[in-house]
PDB file of N, CA and C in Angstrom:
ATOM      1  N   MET A   1     -15.247  14.013 -19.420  1.00  0.00           N
ATOM      2  CA  MET A   1     -15.573  12.769 -20.080  1.00  0.00           C
ATOM      3  C   MET A   1     -15.740  11.635 -19.068  1.00  0.00           C
ATOM      4  N   GLY A   2     -14.920  11.602 -18.023  1.00  0.00           N
ATOM      5  CA  GLY A   2     -14.994  10.565 -17.004  1.00  0.00           C
ATOM      6  C   GLY A   2     -16.298  10.601 -16.234  1.00  0.00           C
ATOM      7  N   ARG A   3     -16.834  11.784 -16.011  1.00  0.00           N
ATOM      8  CA  ARG A   3     -18.096  11.912 -15.273  1.00  0.00           C
ATOM      9  C   ARG A   3     -19.262  11.336 -16.066  1.00  0.00           C
ATOM     10  N   ILE A   4     -19.215  11.506 -17.355  1.00  0.00           N
ATOM     11  CA  ILE A   4     -20.287  10.971 -18.197  1.00  0.00           C
ATOM     12  C   ILE A   4     -20.262   9.446 -18.146  1.00  0.00           C
ATOM     13  N   THR A   5     -19.097   8.863 -18.226  1.00  0.00           N
ATOM     14  CA  THR A   5     -18.959   7.408 -18.167  1.00  0.00           C
ATOM     15  C   THR A   5     -19.460   6.878 -16.828  1.00  0.00           C
ATOM     16  N   LEU A   6     -19.055   7.530 -15.738  1.00  0.00           N
ATOM     17  CA  LEU A   6     -19.498   7.119 -14.411  1.00  0.00           C
ATOM     18  C   LEU A   6     -21.006   7.251 -14.285  1.00  0.00           C
ATOM     19  N   SER A   7     -21.566   8.338 -14.782  1.00  0.00           N
ATOM     20  CA  SER A   7     -23.013   8.547 -14.719  1.00  0.00           C
ATOM     21  C   SER A   7     -23.759   7.466 -15.486  1.00  0.00           C
ATOM     22  N   LEU A   8     -23.263   7.123 -16.670  1.00  0.00           N
ATOM     23  CA  LEU A   8     -23.908   6.076 -17.459  1.00  0.00           C
ATOM     24  C   LEU A   8     -23.809   4.723 -16.772  1.00  0.00           C
ATOM     25  N   PHE A   9     -22.659   4.464 -16.150  1.00  0.00           N
ATOM     26  CA  PHE A   9     -22.475   3.212 -15.417  1.00  0.00           C
ATOM     27  C   PHE A   9     -23.471   3.134 -14.261  1.00  0.00           C
ATOM     28  N   LEU A  10     -23.592   4.199 -13.485  1.00  0.00           N
ATOM     29  CA  LEU A  10     -24.517   4.211 -12.353  1.00  0.00           C
ATOM     30  C   LEU A  10     -25.952   4.087 -12.820  1.00  0.00           C
ATOM     31  N   LEU A  11     -26.288   4.754 -13.906  1.00  0.00           N
ATOM     32  CA  LEU A  11     -27.638   4.669 -14.445  1.00  0.00           C
ATOM     33  C   LEU A  11     -27.956   3.242 -14.874  1.00  0.00           C
ATOM     34  N   ALA A  12     -27.022   2.597 -15.551  1.00  0.00           N
ATOM     35  CA  ALA A  12     -27.219   1.210 -15.981  1.00  0.00           C
ATOM     36  C   ALA A  12     -27.332   0.276 -14.787  1.00  0.00           C
ATOM     37  N   THR A  13     -26.541   0.530 -13.747  1.00  0.00           N
ATOM     38  CA  THR A  13     -26.571  -0.308 -12.552  1.00  0.00           C
ATOM     39  C   THR A  13     -27.919  -0.209 -11.856  1.00  0.00           C
ATOM     40  N   PHE A  14     -28.407   1.002 -11.668  1.00  0.00           N
ATOM     41  CA  PHE A  14     -29.672   1.180 -10.956  1.00  0.00           C
ATOM     42  C   PHE A  14     -30.867   0.827 -11.819  1.00  0.00           C
ATOM     43  N   ALA A  15     -30.740   0.964 -13.128  1.00  0.00           N
ATOM     44  CA  ALA A  15     -31.840   0.621 -14.018  1.00  0.00           C
ATOM     45  C   ALA A  15     -32.100  -0.882 -13.995  1.00  0.00           C
ATOM     46  N   SER A  16     -31.065  -1.676 -13.805  1.00  0.00           N
ATOM     47  CA  SER A  16     -31.242  -3.121 -13.815  1.00  0.00           C
ATOM     48  C   SER A  16     -31.500  -3.689 -12.419  1.00  0.00           C
ATOM     49  N   ALA A  17     -31.516  -2.838 -11.414  1.00  0.00           N
ATOM     50  CA  ALA A  17     -31.765  -3.293 -10.041  1.00  0.00           C
ATOM     51  C   ALA A  17     -33.266  -3.379  -9.785  1.00  0.00           C
ATOM     52  N   GLN A  18     -33.626  -4.290  -8.924  1.00  0.00           N
ATOM     53  CA  GLN A  18     -35.020  -4.399  -8.509  1.00  0.00           C
ATOM     54  C   GLN A  18     -35.079  -4.397  -6.987  1.00  0.00           C
ATOM     55  N   VAL A  19     -36.199  -3.962  -6.453  1.00  0.00           N
ATOM     56  CA  VAL A  19     -36.380  -3.918  -4.998  1.00  0.00           C
ATOM     57  C   VAL A  19     -37.464  -4.920  -4.628  1.00  0.00           C
ATOM     58  N   TRP A  20     -37.119  -5.791  -3.703  1.00  0.00           N
ATOM     59  CA  TRP A  20     -38.041  -6.801  -3.187  1.00  0.00           C
ATOM     60  C   TRP A  20     -38.461  -6.393  -1.783  1.00  0.00           C
ATOM     61  N   THR A  21     -39.712  -6.585  -1.450  1.00  0.00           N
ATOM     62  CA  THR A  21     -40.185  -6.417  -0.084  1.00  0.00           C
ATOM     63  C   THR A  21     -40.582  -7.796   0.415  1.00  0.00           C
ATOM     64  N   LEU A  22     -39.907  -8.232   1.470  1.00  0.00           N
ATOM     65  CA  LEU A  22     -40.127  -9.569   2.007  1.00  0.00           C
ATOM     66  C   LEU A  22     -40.682  -9.505   3.417  1.00  0.00           C
ATOM     67  N   HIS A  23     -41.600 -10.388   3.723  1.00  0.00           N
ATOM     68  CA  HIS A  23     -42.051 -10.560   5.105  1.00  0.00           C
ATOM     69  C   HIS A  23     -41.107 -11.585   5.727  1.00  0.00           C
ATOM     70  N   ILE A  24     -40.523 -11.236   6.866  1.00  0.00           N
ATOM     71  CA  ILE A  24     -39.594 -12.127   7.553  1.00  0.00           C
ATOM     72  C   ILE A  24     -40.288 -12.671   8.794  1.00  0.00           C
ATOM     73  N   GLY A  25     -40.436 -13.968   8.853  1.00  0.00           N
ATOM     74  CA  GLY A  25     -41.092 -14.607   9.985  1.00  0.00           C
ATOM     75  C   GLY A  25     -40.083 -15.204  10.949  1.00  0.00           C
ATOM     76  N   GLY A  26     -40.414 -15.133  12.236  1.00  0.00           N
ATOM     77  CA  GLY A  26     -39.583 -15.772  13.248  1.00  0.00           C
ATOM     78  C   GLY A  26     -38.614 -14.859  13.969  1.00  0.00           C
ATOM     79  N   MET A  27     -38.590 -13.574  13.631  1.00  0.00           N
ATOM     80  CA  MET A  27     -37.667 -12.656  14.319  1.00  0.00           C
ATOM     81  C   MET A  27     -38.222 -12.325  15.703  1.00  0.00           C
ATOM     82  N   HIS A  28     -37.335 -12.370  16.708  1.00  0.00           N
ATOM     83  CA  HIS A  28     -37.758 -12.110  18.078  1.00  0.00           C
ATOM     84  C   HIS A  28     -37.051 -10.905  18.699  1.00  0.00           C
ATOM     85  N   CYS A  29     -35.969 -10.456  18.081  1.00  0.00           N
ATOM     86  CA  CYS A  29     -35.206  -9.355  18.683  1.00  0.00           C
ATOM     87  C   CYS A  29     -34.413  -8.616  17.598  1.00  0.00           C
ATOM     88  N   ILE A  30     -33.759  -7.556  18.012  1.00  0.00           N
ATOM     89  CA  ILE A  30     -32.972  -6.757  17.084  1.00  0.00           C
ATOM     90  C   ILE A  30     -31.809  -7.579  16.501  1.00  0.00           C
ATOM     91  N   ALA A  31     -31.244  -8.469  17.295  1.00  0.00           N
ATOM     92  CA  ALA A  31     -30.151  -9.304  16.793  1.00  0.00           C
ATOM     93  C   ALA A  31     -30.611 -10.166  15.615  1.00  0.00           C
ATOM     94  N   CYS A  32     -31.879 -10.529  15.613  1.00  0.00           N
ATOM     95  CA  CYS A  32     -32.428 -11.304  14.499  1.00  0.00           C
ATOM     96  C   CYS A  32     -32.320 -10.521  13.197  1.00  0.00           C
ATOM     97  N   THR A  33     -32.568  -9.221  13.263  1.00  0.00           N
ATOM     98  CA  THR A  33     -32.493  -8.399  12.047  1.00  0.00           C
ATOM     99  C   THR A  33     -31.082  -8.411  11.481  1.00  0.00           C
ATOM    100  N   LEU A  34     -30.092  -8.394  12.357  1.00  0.00           N
ATOM    101  CA  LEU A  34     -28.706  -8.415  11.890  1.00  0.00           C
ATOM    102  C   LEU A  34     -28.370  -9.732  11.206  1.00  0.00           C
ATOM    103  N   ALA A  35     -28.873 -10.837  11.745  1.00  0.00           N
ATOM    104  CA  ALA A  35     -28.621 -12.144  11.138  1.00  0.00           C
ATOM    105  C   ALA A  35     -29.269 -12.240   9.758  1.00  0.00           C
ATOM    106  N   VAL A  36     -30.495 -11.740   9.641  1.00  0.00           N
ATOM    107  CA  VAL A  36     -31.207 -11.774   8.366  1.00  0.00           C
ATOM    108  C   VAL A  36     -30.506 -10.866   7.355  1.00  0.00           C
ATOM    109  N   LYS A  37     -30.134  -9.683   7.793  1.00  0.00           N
ATOM    110  CA  LYS A  37     -29.451  -8.736   6.898  1.00  0.00           C
ATOM    111  C   LYS A  37     -28.142  -9.340   6.380  1.00  0.00           C
ATOM    112  N   LYS A  38     -27.369  -9.920   7.273  1.00  0.00           N
ATOM    113  CA  LYS A  38     -26.097 -10.527   6.884  1.00  0.00           C
ATOM    114  C   LYS A  38     -26.315 -11.658   5.876  1.00  0.00           C
ATOM    115  N   ALA A  39     -27.330 -12.482   6.116  1.00  0.00           N
ATOM    116  CA  ALA A  39     -27.622 -13.591   5.207  1.00  0.00           C
ATOM    117  C   ALA A  39     -28.006 -13.081   3.827  1.00  0.00           C
ATOM    118  N   LEU A  40     -28.828 -12.052   3.777  1.00  0.00           N
ATOM    119  CA  LEU A  40     -29.255 -11.502   2.493  1.00  0.00           C
ATOM    120  C   LEU A  40     -28.090 -10.861   1.743  1.00  0.00           C
ATOM    121  N   LEU A  41     -27.236 -10.159   2.467  1.00  0.00           N
ATOM    122  CA  LEU A  41     -26.100  -9.500   1.816  1.00  0.00           C
ATOM    123  C   LEU A  41     -25.065 -10.505   1.304  1.00  0.00           C
ATOM    124  N   CYS A  42     -25.099 -11.725   1.802  1.00  0.00           N
ATOM    125  CA  CYS A  42     -24.180 -12.763   1.319  1.00  0.00           C
ATOM    126  C   CYS A  42     -24.637 -13.385   0.003  1.00  0.00           C
ATOM    127  N   VAL A  43     -25.867 -13.101  -0.408  1.00  0.00           N
ATOM    128  CA  VAL A  43     -26.373 -13.627  -1.682  1.00  0.00           C
ATOM    129  C   VAL A  43     -25.753 -12.804  -2.806  1.00  0.00           C
ATOM    130  N   PRO A  44     -25.014 -13.440  -3.709  1.00  0.00           N
ATOM    131  CA  PRO A  44     -24.407 -12.700  -4.818  1.00  0.00           C
ATOM    132  C   PRO A  44     -25.470 -11.967  -5.646  1.00  0.00           C
ATOM    133  N   GLY A  45     -25.266 -10.677  -5.849  1.00  0.00           N
ATOM    134  CA  GLY A  45     -26.218  -9.868  -6.607  1.00  0.00           C
ATOM    135  C   GLY A  45     -27.065  -8.969  -5.731  1.00  0.00           C
ATOM    136  N   VAL A  46     -27.122  -9.258  -4.427  1.00  0.00           N
ATOM    137  CA  VAL A  46     -27.838  -8.374  -3.502  1.00  0.00           C
ATOM    138  C   VAL A  46     -26.912  -7.220  -3.157  1.00  0.00           C
ATOM    139  N   THR A  47     -27.384  -6.000  -3.376  1.00  0.00           N
ATOM    140  CA  THR A  47     -26.554  -4.825  -3.132  1.00  0.00           C
ATOM    141  C   THR A  47     -26.924  -4.097  -1.849  1.00  0.00           C
ATOM    142  N   GLU A  48     -28.151  -4.292  -1.376  1.00  0.00           N
ATOM    143  CA  GLU A  48     -28.579  -3.612  -0.155  1.00  0.00           C
ATOM    144  C   GLU A  48     -29.700  -4.414   0.495  1.00  0.00           C
ATOM    145  N   ALA A  49     -29.699  -4.447   1.815  1.00  0.00           N
ATOM    146  CA  ALA A  49     -30.768  -5.111   2.563  1.00  0.00           C
ATOM    147  C   ALA A  49     -31.064  -4.290   3.810  1.00  0.00           C
ATOM    148  N   LYS A  50     -32.292  -3.855   3.932  1.00  0.00           N
ATOM    149  CA  LYS A  50     -32.739  -3.125   5.121  1.00  0.00           C
ATOM    150  C   LYS A  50     -33.795  -3.986   5.801  1.00  0.00           C
ATOM    151  N   VAL A  51     -33.520  -4.390   7.024  1.00  0.00           N
ATOM    152  CA  VAL A  51     -34.415  -5.284   7.752  1.00  0.00           C
ATOM    153  C   VAL A  51     -35.011  -4.521   8.928  1.00  0.00           C
ATOM    154  N   ASN A  52     -36.331  -4.580   9.048  1.00  0.00           N
ATOM    155  CA  ASN A  52     -37.044  -3.868  10.097  1.00  0.00           C
ATOM    156  C   ASN A  52     -37.726  -4.894  11.006  1.00  0.00           C
ATOM    157  N   PHE A  53     -37.267  -4.946  12.260  1.00  0.00           N
ATOM    158  CA  PHE A  53     -37.804  -5.906  13.224  1.00  0.00           C
ATOM    159  C   PHE A  53     -39.277  -5.627  13.516  1.00  0.00           C
ATOM    160  N   LYS A  54     -39.608  -4.369  13.731  1.00  0.00           N
ATOM    161  CA  LYS A  54     -40.974  -3.990  14.095  1.00  0.00           C
ATOM    162  C   LYS A  54     -41.995  -4.384  13.033  1.00  0.00           C
ATOM    163  N   ASN A  55     -41.652  -4.151  11.787  1.00  0.00           N
ATOM    164  CA  ASN A  55     -42.563  -4.454  10.681  1.00  0.00           C
ATOM    165  C   ASN A  55     -42.408  -5.870  10.157  1.00  0.00           C
ATOM    166  N   GLU A  56     -41.434  -6.602  10.690  1.00  0.00           N
ATOM    167  CA  GLU A  56     -41.119  -7.958  10.223  1.00  0.00           C
ATOM    168  C   GLU A  56     -40.925  -7.970   8.713  1.00  0.00           C
ATOM    169  N   GLU A  57     -40.109  -7.015   8.230  1.00  0.00           N
ATOM    170  CA  GLU A  57     -39.943  -6.910   6.792  1.00  0.00           C
ATOM    171  C   GLU A  57     -38.512  -6.581   6.413  1.00  0.00           C
ATOM    172  N   ALA A  58     -38.184  -6.973   5.203  1.00  0.00           N
ATOM    173  CA  ALA A  58     -36.876  -6.655   4.630  1.00  0.00           C
ATOM    174  C   ALA A  58     -37.103  -6.038   3.256  1.00  0.00           C
ATOM    175  N   LYS A  59     -36.390  -4.966   2.969  1.00  0.00           N
ATOM    176  CA  LYS A  59     -36.377  -4.369   1.637  1.00  0.00           C
ATOM    177  C   LYS A  59     -35.009  -4.679   1.055  1.00  0.00           C
ATOM    178  N   VAL A  60     -35.016  -5.406  -0.036  1.00  0.00           N
ATOM    179  CA  VAL A  60     -33.783  -5.898  -0.625  1.00  0.00           C
ATOM    180  C   VAL A  60     -33.630  -5.331  -2.029  1.00  0.00           C
ATOM    181  N   THR A  61     -32.488  -4.719  -2.287  1.00  0.00           N
ATOM    182  CA  THR A  61     -32.156  -4.239  -3.619  1.00  0.00           C
ATOM    183  C   THR A  61     -31.168  -5.227  -4.215  1.00  0.00           C
ATOM    184  N   ALA A  62     -31.497  -5.711  -5.402  1.00  0.00           N
ATOM    185  CA  ALA A  62     -30.667  -6.737  -6.036  1.00  0.00           C
ATOM    186  C   ALA A  62     -30.735  -6.582  -7.544  1.00  0.00           C
ATOM    187  N   ASP A  63     -29.770  -7.213  -8.225  1.00  0.00           N
ATOM    188  CA  ASP A  63     -29.833  -7.183  -9.678  1.00  0.00           C
ATOM    189  C   ASP A  63     -30.912  -8.155 -10.155  1.00  0.00           C
ATOM    190  N   GLU A  64     -31.215  -8.081 -11.433  1.00  0.00           N
ATOM    191  CA  GLU A  64     -32.338  -8.844 -11.984  1.00  0.00           C
ATOM    192  C   GLU A  64     -32.137 -10.360 -11.972  1.00  0.00           C
ATOM    193  N   SER A  65     -30.915 -10.805 -11.751  1.00  0.00           N
ATOM    194  CA  SER A  65     -30.659 -12.246 -11.771  1.00  0.00           C
ATOM    195  C   SER A  65     -31.081 -12.940 -10.471  1.00  0.00           C
ATOM    196  N   ILE A  66     -31.365 -12.176  -9.443  1.00  0.00           N
ATOM    197  CA  ILE A  66     -31.714 -12.752  -8.142  1.00  0.00           C
ATOM    198  C   ILE A  66     -33.165 -13.218  -8.139  1.00  0.00           C
ATOM    199  N   SER A  67     -33.361 -14.426  -7.622  1.00  0.00           N
ATOM    200  CA  SER A  67     -34.718 -14.955  -7.509  1.00  0.00           C
ATOM    201  C   SER A  67     -35.166 -14.917  -6.051  1.00  0.00           C
ATOM    202  N   LEU A  68     -36.464 -14.955  -5.880  1.00  0.00           N
ATOM    203  CA  LEU A  68     -37.038 -15.010  -4.539  1.00  0.00           C
ATOM    204  C   LEU A  68     -36.530 -16.246  -3.814  1.00  0.00           C
ATOM    205  N   ARG A  69     -36.426 -17.354  -4.512  1.00  0.00           N
ATOM    206  CA  ARG A  69     -35.987 -18.616  -3.904  1.00  0.00           C
ATOM    207  C   ARG A  69     -34.589 -18.511  -3.295  1.00  0.00           C
ATOM    208  N   ARG A  70     -33.680 -17.834  -3.982  1.00  0.00           N
ATOM    209  CA  ARG A  70     -32.309 -17.688  -3.459  1.00  0.00           C
ATOM    210  C   ARG A  70     -32.316 -16.891  -2.157  1.00  0.00           C
ATOM    211  N   MET A  71     -33.130 -15.849  -2.102  1.00  0.00           N
ATOM    212  CA  MET A  71     -33.206 -15.052  -0.870  1.00  0.00           C
ATOM    213  C   MET A  71     -33.879 -15.852   0.238  1.00  0.00           C
ATOM    214  N   GLN A  72     -34.925 -16.593  -0.096  1.00  0.00           N
ATOM    215  CA  GLN A  72     -35.606 -17.425   0.902  1.00  0.00           C
ATOM    216  C   GLN A  72     -34.671 -18.472   1.476  1.00  0.00           C
ATOM    217  N   ASP A  73     -33.874 -19.087   0.623  1.00  0.00           N
ATOM    218  CA  ASP A  73     -32.925 -20.102   1.090  1.00  0.00           C
ATOM    219  C   ASP A  73     -31.899 -19.497   2.040  1.00  0.00           C
ATOM    220  N   ALA A  74     -31.393 -18.302   1.718  1.00  0.00           N
ATOM    221  CA  ALA A  74     -30.405 -17.646   2.570  1.00  0.00           C
ATOM    222  C   ALA A  74     -31.006 -17.316   3.935  1.00  0.00           C
ATOM    223  N   VAL A  75     -32.232 -16.817   3.939  1.00  0.00           N
ATOM    224  CA  VAL A  75     -32.900 -16.478   5.199  1.00  0.00           C
ATOM    225  C   VAL A  75     -33.202 -17.750   5.990  1.00  0.00           C
ATOM    226  N   ALA A  76     -33.622 -18.803   5.309  1.00  0.00           N
ATOM    227  CA  ALA A  76     -33.949 -20.071   5.981  1.00  0.00           C
ATOM    228  C   ALA A  76     -32.732 -20.662   6.682  1.00  0.00           C
ATOM    229  N   GLN A  77     -31.555 -20.459   6.126  1.00  0.00           N
ATOM    230  CA  GLN A  77     -30.338 -20.980   6.758  1.00  0.00           C
ATOM    231  C   GLN A  77     -30.059 -20.305   8.099  1.00  0.00           C
ATOM    232  N   THR A  78     -30.660 -19.146   8.341  1.00  0.00           N
ATOM    233  CA  THR A  78     -30.480 -18.476   9.622  1.00  0.00           C
ATOM    234  C   THR A  78     -31.618 -18.806  10.591  1.00  0.00           C
ATOM    235  N   GLY A  79     -32.590 -19.598  10.119  1.00  0.00           N
ATOM    236  CA  GLY A  79     -33.676 -20.011  11.002  1.00  0.00           C
ATOM    237  C   GLY A  79     -34.951 -19.192  10.882  1.00  0.00           C
ATOM    238  N   TYR A  80     -35.066 -18.367   9.865  1.00  0.00           N
ATOM    239  CA  TYR A  80     -36.242 -17.518   9.682  1.00  0.00           C
ATOM    240  C   TYR A  80     -36.907 -17.857   8.361  1.00  0.00           C
ATOM    241  N   THR A  81     -38.072 -17.298   8.140  1.00  0.00           N
ATOM    242  CA  THR A  81     -38.770 -17.513   6.874  1.00  0.00           C
ATOM    243  C   THR A  81     -38.885 -16.186   6.127  1.00  0.00           C
ATOM    244  N   ALA A  82     -38.968 -16.268   4.813  1.00  0.00           N
ATOM    245  CA  ALA A  82     -39.119 -15.080   3.974  1.00  0.00           C
ATOM    246  C   ALA A  82     -40.177 -15.353   2.923  1.00  0.00           C
ATOM    247  N   THR A  83     -41.158 -14.481   2.844  1.00  0.00           N
ATOM    248  CA  THR A  83     -42.178 -14.558   1.803  1.00  0.00           C
ATOM    249  C   THR A  83     -42.314 -13.193   1.165  1.00  0.00           C
ATOM    250  N   GLN A  84     -42.686 -13.172  -0.103  1.00  0.00           N
ATOM    251  CA  GLN A  84     -42.818 -11.898  -0.795  1.00  0.00           C
ATOM    252  C   GLN A  84     -44.093 -11.207  -0.349  1.00  0.00           C
ATOM    253  N   LYS A  85     -43.981  -9.912  -0.099  1.00  0.00           N
ATOM    254  CA  LYS A  85     -45.147  -9.117   0.284  1.00  0.00           C
ATOM    255  C   LYS A  85     -45.847  -8.605  -0.941  1.00  0.00           C
TER     256      LYS A  85
END
């Protein structure tokens, strides 16, 4: 019975999640990716952030309450820009 409850919980969690692909401007090195990743993960509702320096992109998994503006503001506080791809 516990496995069914856990499965339903996980299904509901992932069903309400969305994935954003962002172009990150201003990154110059690998350390930049860590700063951007940390900033994105500090946004309440963001569950995962993968930042790629080479592609200048971030893939962010977040719940449906997260807006592009909140992620842009978090990235801007670290000195970079974020736009939706």
